[in-house]
Amino acid sequence: MKPFRERNPLAVGAAGLVVLGASVLIAFNAQNLPLIGGGAGYAAAFTEAAGLRSGEHVTIAGVVVGKVTGVSL
């Protein structure tokens, strides 16, 4: 096995960028991954829910934590 310093720096850089890109994609799509995504579903009852629509994002302290999947009486 070649020492790290003797390897082609272009190939090492390209491999590093591929790993970094894959890490970023996984981080931004973690909720869609089968093992760690999905999570639990929650239901809430509101006395006043005017303007609440299916498909809207749910935020807590400005951070998107989910989305509304349905609204019913």
PDB file of N, CA and C in Angstrom:
ATOM      1  N   MET A   1       0.839  -1.176   0.000  1.00  0.00           N
ATOM      2  CA  MET A   1       0.000   0.000   0.000  1.00  0.00           C
ATOM      3  C   MET A   1       0.888   1.244   0.000  1.00  0.00           C
ATOM      4  N   LYS A   2       0.541   2.207  -0.863  1.00  0.00           N
ATOM      5  CA  LYS A   2       1.312   3.438  -0.981  1.00  0.00           C
ATOM      6  C   LYS A   2       1.085   4.345   0.227  1.00  0.00           C
ATOM      7  N   PRO A   3       2.121   5.057   0.653  1.00  0.00           N
ATOM      8  CA  PRO A   3       1.912   6.073   1.695  1.00  0.00           C
ATOM      9  C   PRO A   3       0.999   7.182   1.150  1.00  0.00           C
ATOM     10  N   PHE A   4       0.329   7.861   2.050  1.00  0.00           N
ATOM     11  CA  PHE A   4      -0.633   8.890   1.680  1.00  0.00           C
ATOM     12  C   PHE A   4       0.019  10.003   0.867  1.00  0.00           C
ATOM     13  N   ARG A   5       1.226  10.373   1.179  1.00  0.00           N
ATOM     14  CA  ARG A   5       1.914  11.470   0.484  1.00  0.00           C
ATOM     15  C   ARG A   5       2.273  11.126  -0.963  1.00  0.00           C
ATOM     16  N   GLU A   6       2.331   9.852  -1.293  1.00  0.00           N
ATOM     17  CA  GLU A   6       2.692   9.447  -2.653  1.00  0.00           C
ATOM     18  C   GLU A   6       1.467   9.274  -3.558  1.00  0.00           C
ATOM     19  N   ARG A   7       0.301   9.430  -3.027  1.00  0.00           N
ATOM     20  CA  ARG A   7      -0.907   9.275  -3.838  1.00  0.00           C
ATOM     21  C   ARG A   7      -1.167  10.534  -4.656  1.00  0.00           C
ATOM     22  N   ASN A   8      -1.942  10.387  -5.722  1.00  0.00           N
ATOM     23  CA  ASN A   8      -2.297  11.490  -6.598  1.00  0.00           C
ATOM     24  C   ASN A   8      -3.213  12.465  -5.838  1.00  0.00           C
ATOM     25  N   PRO A   9      -2.797  13.724  -5.624  1.00  0.00           N
ATOM     26  CA  PRO A   9      -3.627  14.653  -4.851  1.00  0.00           C
ATOM     27  C   PRO A   9      -4.971  14.956  -5.508  1.00  0.00           C
ATOM     28  N   LEU A  10      -5.040  14.893  -6.823  1.00  0.00           N
ATOM     29  CA  LEU A  10      -6.304  15.126  -7.511  1.00  0.00           C
ATOM     30  C   LEU A  10      -7.314  14.029  -7.173  1.00  0.00           C
ATOM     31  N   ALA A  11      -6.867  12.783  -7.175  1.00  0.00           N
ATOM     32  CA  ALA A  11      -7.750  11.668  -6.846  1.00  0.00           C
ATOM     33  C   ALA A  11      -8.178  11.716  -5.379  1.00  0.00           C
ATOM     34  N   VAL A  12      -7.255  12.062  -4.502  1.00  0.00           N
ATOM     35  CA  VAL A  12      -7.580  12.158  -3.077  1.00  0.00           C
ATOM     36  C   VAL A  12      -8.597  13.279  -2.853  1.00  0.00           C
ATOM     37  N   GLY A  13      -8.410  14.418  -3.510  1.00  0.00           N
ATOM     38  CA  GLY A  13      -9.345  15.533  -3.385  1.00  0.00           C
ATOM     39  C   GLY A  13     -10.715  15.197  -3.934  1.00  0.00           C
ATOM     40  N   ALA A  14     -10.744  14.520  -5.084  1.00  0.00           N
ATOM     41  CA  ALA A  14     -12.024  14.129  -5.684  1.00  0.00           C
ATOM     42  C   ALA A  14     -12.768  13.155  -4.768  1.00  0.00           C
ATOM     43  N   ALA A  15     -12.061  12.199  -4.200  1.00  0.00           N
ATOM     44  CA  ALA A  15     -12.686  11.245  -3.281  1.00  0.00           C
ATOM     45  C   ALA A  15     -13.210  11.968  -2.044  1.00  0.00           C
ATOM     46  N   GLY A  16     -12.461  12.935  -1.551  1.00  0.00           N
ATOM     47  CA  GLY A  16     -12.904  13.714  -0.395  1.00  0.00           C
ATOM     48  C   GLY A  16     -14.156  14.508  -0.690  1.00  0.00           C
ATOM     49  N   LEU A  17     -14.229  15.108  -1.884  1.00  0.00           N
ATOM     50  CA  LEU A  17     -15.426  15.860  -2.269  1.00  0.00           C
ATOM     51  C   LEU A  17     -16.644  14.951  -2.424  1.00  0.00           C
ATOM     52  N   VAL A  18     -16.437  13.754  -2.951  1.00  0.00           N
ATOM     53  CA  VAL A  18     -17.541  12.799  -3.095  1.00  0.00           C
ATOM     54  C   VAL A  18     -18.069  12.397  -1.717  1.00  0.00           C
ATOM     55  N   VAL A  19     -17.166  12.118  -0.788  1.00  0.00           N
ATOM     56  CA  VAL A  19     -17.577  11.741   0.571  1.00  0.00           C
ATOM     57  C   VAL A  19     -18.289  12.907   1.250  1.00  0.00           C
ATOM     58  N   LEU A  20     -17.775  14.114   1.091  1.00  0.00           N
ATOM     59  CA  LEU A  20     -18.401  15.294   1.673  1.00  0.00           C
ATOM     60  C   LEU A  20     -19.793  15.526   1.081  1.00  0.00           C
ATOM     61  N   GLY A  21     -19.916  15.402  -0.232  1.00  0.00           N
ATOM     62  CA  GLY A  21     -21.207  15.572  -0.888  1.00  0.00           C
ATOM     63  C   GLY A  21     -22.225  14.533  -0.436  1.00  0.00           C
ATOM     64  N   ALA A  22     -21.794  13.287  -0.310  1.00  0.00           N
ATOM     65  CA  ALA A  22     -22.695  12.231   0.153  1.00  0.00           C
ATOM     66  C   ALA A  22     -23.134  12.497   1.590  1.00  0.00           C
ATOM     67  N   SER A  23     -22.233  12.978   2.414  1.00  0.00           N
ATOM     68  CA  SER A  23     -22.571  13.302   3.808  1.00  0.00           C
ATOM     69  C   SER A  23     -23.604  14.419   3.881  1.00  0.00           C
ATOM     70  N   VAL A  24     -23.452  15.429   3.051  1.00  0.00           N
ATOM     71  CA  VAL A  24     -24.397  16.540   3.037  1.00  0.00           C
ATOM     72  C   VAL A  24     -25.767  16.058   2.567  1.00  0.00           C
ATOM     73  N   LEU A  25     -25.816  15.242   1.532  1.00  0.00           N
ATOM     74  CA  LEU A  25     -27.094  14.713   1.043  1.00  0.00           C
ATOM     75  C   LEU A  25     -27.787  13.866   2.103  1.00  0.00           C
ATOM     76  N   ILE A  26     -27.041  13.043   2.791  1.00  0.00           N
ATOM     77  CA  ILE A  26     -27.619  12.216   3.854  1.00  0.00           C
ATOM     78  C   ILE A  26     -28.141  13.095   4.979  1.00  0.00           C
ATOM     79  N   ALA A  27     -27.383  14.128   5.343  1.00  0.00           N
ATOM     80  CA  ALA A  27     -27.802  15.005   6.432  1.00  0.00           C
ATOM     81  C   ALA A  27     -29.101  15.742   6.102  1.00  0.00           C
ATOM     82  N   PHE A  28     -29.238  16.229   4.882  1.00  0.00           N
ATOM     83  CA  PHE A  28     -30.435  16.971   4.510  1.00  0.00           C
ATOM     84  C   PHE A  28     -31.632  16.077   4.222  1.00  0.00           C
ATOM     85  N   ASN A  29     -31.413  14.794   3.978  1.00  0.00           N
ATOM     86  CA  ASN A  29     -32.511  13.874   3.686  1.00  0.00           C
ATOM     87  C   ASN A  29     -32.648  12.792   4.744  1.00  0.00           C
ATOM     88  N   ALA A  30     -32.197  13.054   5.951  1.00  0.00           N
ATOM     89  CA  ALA A  30     -32.238  12.050   7.018  1.00  0.00           C
ATOM     90  C   ALA A  30     -33.666  11.607   7.332  1.00  0.00           C
ATOM     91  N   GLN A  31     -34.635  12.503   7.219  1.00  0.00           N
ATOM     92  CA  GLN A  31     -36.018  12.140   7.528  1.00  0.00           C
ATOM     93  C   GLN A  31     -36.580  11.139   6.539  1.00  0.00           C
ATOM     94  N   ASN A  32     -35.991  10.996   5.370  1.00  0.00           N
ATOM     95  CA  ASN A  32     -36.487  10.062   4.360  1.00  0.00           C
ATOM     96  C   ASN A  32     -35.786   8.706   4.415  1.00  0.00           C
ATOM     97  N   LEU A  33     -34.754   8.574   5.233  1.00  0.00           N
ATOM     98  CA  LEU A  33     -34.024   7.311   5.328  1.00  0.00           C
ATOM     99  C   LEU A  33     -34.846   6.294   6.114  1.00  0.00           C
ATOM    100  N   PRO A  34     -34.824   5.022   5.713  1.00  0.00           N
ATOM    101  CA  PRO A  34     -35.691   4.028   6.345  1.00  0.00           C
ATOM    102  C   PRO A  34     -35.343   3.723   7.806  1.00  0.00           C
ATOM    103  N   LEU A  35     -34.084   3.743   8.195  1.00  0.00           N
ATOM    104  CA  LEU A  35     -33.722   3.353   9.557  1.00  0.00           C
ATOM    105  C   LEU A  35     -33.871   4.489  10.561  1.00  0.00           C
ATOM    106  N   ILE A  36     -33.512   5.704  10.186  1.00  0.00           N
ATOM    107  CA  ILE A  36     -33.556   6.805  11.138  1.00  0.00           C
ATOM    108  C   ILE A  36     -34.658   7.808  10.837  1.00  0.00           C
ATOM    109  N   GLY A  37     -35.268   7.727   9.690  1.00  0.00           N
ATOM    110  CA  GLY A  37     -36.305   8.686   9.314  1.00  0.00           C
ATOM    111  C   GLY A  37     -37.675   8.206   9.705  1.00  0.00           C
ATOM    112  N   GLY A  38     -38.655   8.922   9.271  1.00  0.00           N
ATOM    113  CA  GLY A  38     -40.036   8.539   9.550  1.00  0.00           C
ATOM    114  C   GLY A  38     -40.485   9.032  10.907  1.00  0.00           C
ATOM    115  N   GLY A  39     -40.007   8.425  11.935  1.00  0.00           N
ATOM    116  CA  GLY A  39     -40.347   8.841  13.289  1.00  0.00           C
ATOM    117  C   GLY A  39     -41.788   8.548  13.637  1.00  0.00           C
ATOM    118  N   ALA A  40     -42.182   9.080  14.771  1.00  0.00           N
ATOM    119  CA  ALA A  40     -43.532   8.870  15.272  1.00  0.00           C
ATOM    120  C   ALA A  40     -44.477   9.914  14.696  1.00  0.00           C
ATOM    121  N   GLY A  41     -45.725   9.544  14.585  1.00  0.00           N
ATOM    122  CA  GLY A  41     -46.744  10.477  14.151  1.00  0.00           C
ATOM    123  C   GLY A  41     -47.491  11.016  15.361  1.00  0.00           C
ATOM    124  N   TYR A  42     -47.915  12.239  15.310  1.00  0.00           N
ATOM    125  CA  TYR A  42     -48.609  12.863  16.426  1.00  0.00           C
ATOM    126  C   TYR A  42     -49.917  13.452  15.943  1.00  0.00           C
ATOM    127  N   ALA A  43     -50.897  13.500  16.823  1.00  0.00           N
ATOM    128  CA  ALA A  43     -52.178  14.113  16.526  1.00  0.00           C
ATOM    129  C   ALA A  43     -52.434  15.198  17.556  1.00  0.00           C
ATOM    130  N   ALA A  44     -53.101  16.247  17.141  1.00  0.00           N
ATOM    131  CA  ALA A  44     -53.410  17.347  18.039  1.00  0.00           C
ATOM    132  C   ALA A  44     -54.843  17.807  17.803  1.00  0.00           C
ATOM    133  N   ALA A  45     -55.486  18.258  18.875  1.00  0.00           N
ATOM    134  CA  ALA A  45     -56.843  18.804  18.790  1.00  0.00           C
ATOM    135  C   ALA A  45     -56.775  20.278  19.175  1.00  0.00           C
ATOM    136  N   PHE A  46     -57.273  21.135  18.305  1.00  0.00           N
ATOM    137  CA  PHE A  46     -57.248  22.574  18.535  1.00  0.00           C
ATOM    138  C   PHE A  46     -58.672  23.101  18.637  1.00  0.00           C
ATOM    139  N   THR A  47     -58.881  24.072  19.519  1.00  0.00           N
ATOM    140  CA  THR A  47     -60.193  24.716  19.579  1.00  0.00           C
ATOM    141  C   THR A  47     -60.345  25.700  18.427  1.00  0.00           C
ATOM    142  N   GLU A  48     -59.260  26.259  17.955  1.00  0.00           N
ATOM    143  CA  GLU A  48     -59.278  27.190  16.828  1.00  0.00           C
ATOM    144  C   GLU A  48     -58.124  26.836  15.898  1.00  0.00           C
ATOM    145  N   ALA A  49     -58.428  26.393  14.689  1.00  0.00           N
ATOM    146  CA  ALA A  49     -57.396  25.997  13.731  1.00  0.00           C
ATOM    147  C   ALA A  49     -57.606  26.690  12.389  1.00  0.00           C
ATOM    148  N   ALA A  50     -58.077  27.912  12.434  1.00  0.00           N
ATOM    149  CA  ALA A  50     -58.322  28.661  11.205  1.00  0.00           C
ATOM    150  C   ALA A  50     -57.015  28.872  10.458  1.00  0.00           C
ATOM    151  N   GLY A  51     -57.006  28.595   9.182  1.00  0.00           N
ATOM    152  CA  GLY A  51     -55.818  28.799   8.355  1.00  0.00           C
ATOM    153  C   GLY A  51     -54.878  27.607   8.315  1.00  0.00           C
ATOM    154  N   LEU A  52     -55.136  26.587   9.116  1.00  0.00           N
ATOM    155  CA  LEU A  52     -54.280  25.402   9.105  1.00  0.00           C
ATOM    156  C   LEU A  52     -54.668  24.522   7.925  1.00  0.00           C
ATOM    157  N   ARG A  53     -53.692  24.180   7.079  1.00  0.00           N
ATOM    158  CA  ARG A  53     -53.968  23.389   5.878  1.00  0.00           C
ATOM    159  C   ARG A  53     -53.038  22.193   5.790  1.00  0.00           C
ATOM    160  N   SER A  54     -53.499  21.165   5.143  1.00  0.00           N
ATOM    161  CA  SER A  54     -52.696  19.968   4.923  1.00  0.00           C
ATOM    162  C   SER A  54     -51.497  20.306   4.037  1.00  0.00           C
ATOM    163  N   GLY A  55     -50.330  19.810   4.401  1.00  0.00           N
ATOM    164  CA  GLY A  55     -49.111  20.042   3.630  1.00  0.00           C
ATOM    165  C   GLY A  55     -48.252  21.177   4.156  1.00  0.00           C
ATOM    166  N   GLU A  56     -48.770  21.983   5.087  1.00  0.00           N
ATOM    167  CA  GLU A  56     -47.975  23.077   5.645  1.00  0.00           C
ATOM    168  C   GLU A  56     -46.931  22.548   6.606  1.00  0.00           C
ATOM    169  N   HIS A  57     -45.838  23.275   6.746  1.00  0.00           N
ATOM    170  CA  HIS A  57     -44.758  22.884   7.649  1.00  0.00           C
ATOM    171  C   HIS A  57     -45.106  23.225   9.091  1.00  0.00           C
ATOM    172  N   VAL A  58     -44.677  22.366  10.003  1.00  0.00           N
ATOM    173  CA  VAL A  58     -44.819  22.605  11.433  1.00  0.00           C
ATOM    174  C   VAL A  58     -43.463  23.083  11.934  1.00  0.00           C
ATOM    175  N   THR A  59     -43.446  24.222  12.621  1.00  0.00           N
ATOM    176  CA  THR A  59     -42.187  24.765  13.125  1.00  0.00           C
ATOM    177  C   THR A  59     -42.251  24.920  14.634  1.00  0.00           C
ATOM    178  N   ILE A  60     -41.110  24.696  15.264  1.00  0.00           N
ATOM    179  CA  ILE A  60     -40.941  24.946  16.689  1.00  0.00           C
ATOM    180  C   ILE A  60     -39.710  25.812  16.825  1.00  0.00           C
ATOM    181  N   ALA A  61     -39.869  26.988  17.393  1.00  0.00           N
ATOM    182  CA  ALA A  61     -38.784  27.954  17.569  1.00  0.00           C
ATOM    183  C   ALA A  61     -38.101  28.265  16.237  1.00  0.00           C
ATOM    184  N   GLY A  62     -38.880  28.311  15.161  1.00  0.00           N
ATOM    185  CA  GLY A  62     -38.347  28.655  13.856  1.00  0.00           C
ATOM    186  C   GLY A  62     -37.702  27.504  13.099  1.00  0.00           C
ATOM    187  N   VAL A  63     -37.712  26.299  13.663  1.00  0.00           N
ATOM    188  CA  VAL A  63     -37.102  25.130  13.028  1.00  0.00           C
ATOM    189  C   VAL A  63     -38.216  24.223  12.518  1.00  0.00           C
ATOM    190  N   VAL A  64     -38.147  23.836  11.249  1.00  0.00           N
ATOM    191  CA  VAL A  64     -39.153  22.941  10.672  1.00  0.00           C
ATOM    192  C   VAL A  64     -38.969  21.546  11.276  1.00  0.00           C
ATOM    193  N   VAL A  65     -40.030  21.037  11.926  1.00  0.00           N
ATOM    194  CA  VAL A  65     -39.958  19.729  12.578  1.00  0.00           C
ATOM    195  C   VAL A  65     -40.900  18.705  11.973  1.00  0.00           C
ATOM    196  N   GLY A  66     -41.716  19.124  11.013  1.00  0.00           N
ATOM    197  CA  GLY A  66     -42.643  18.191  10.385  1.00  0.00           C
ATOM    198  C   GLY A  66     -43.570  18.920   9.451  1.00  0.00           C
ATOM    199  N   LYS A  67     -44.653  18.216   9.073  1.00  0.00           N
ATOM    200  CA  LYS A  67     -45.660  18.851   8.217  1.00  0.00           C
ATOM    201  C   LYS A  67     -47.022  18.305   8.569  1.00  0.00           C
ATOM    202  N   VAL A  68     -48.037  19.103   8.270  1.00  0.00           N
ATOM    203  CA  VAL A  68     -49.422  18.724   8.525  1.00  0.00           C
ATOM    204  C   VAL A  68     -49.833  17.729   7.452  1.00  0.00           C
ATOM    205  N   THR A  69     -50.317  16.562   7.869  1.00  0.00           N
ATOM    206  CA  THR A  69     -50.708  15.538   6.899  1.00  0.00           C
ATOM    207  C   THR A  69     -52.200  15.506   6.660  1.00  0.00           C
ATOM    208  N   GLY A  70     -52.968  16.088   7.562  1.00  0.00           N
ATOM    209  CA  GLY A  70     -54.420  16.097   7.361  1.00  0.00           C
ATOM    210  C   GLY A  70     -55.109  16.980   8.379  1.00  0.00           C
ATOM    211  N   VAL A  71     -56.250  17.515   7.980  1.00  0.00           N
ATOM    212  CA  VAL A  71     -57.061  18.354   8.853  1.00  0.00           C
ATOM    213  C   VAL A  71     -58.495  17.848   8.741  1.00  0.00           C
ATOM    214  N   SER A  72     -59.140  17.593   9.880  1.00  0.00           N
ATOM    215  CA  SER A  72     -60.525  17.124   9.854  1.00  0.00           C
ATOM    216  C   SER A  72     -61.241  17.621  11.094  1.00  0.00           C
ATOM    217  N   LEU A  73     -62.563  17.556  11.039  1.00  0.00           N
ATOM    218  CA  LEU A  73     -63.382  17.957  12.181  1.00  0.00           C
ATOM    219  C   LEU A  73     -63.499  16.800  13.138  1.00  0.00           C
TER     220      LEU A  73
END
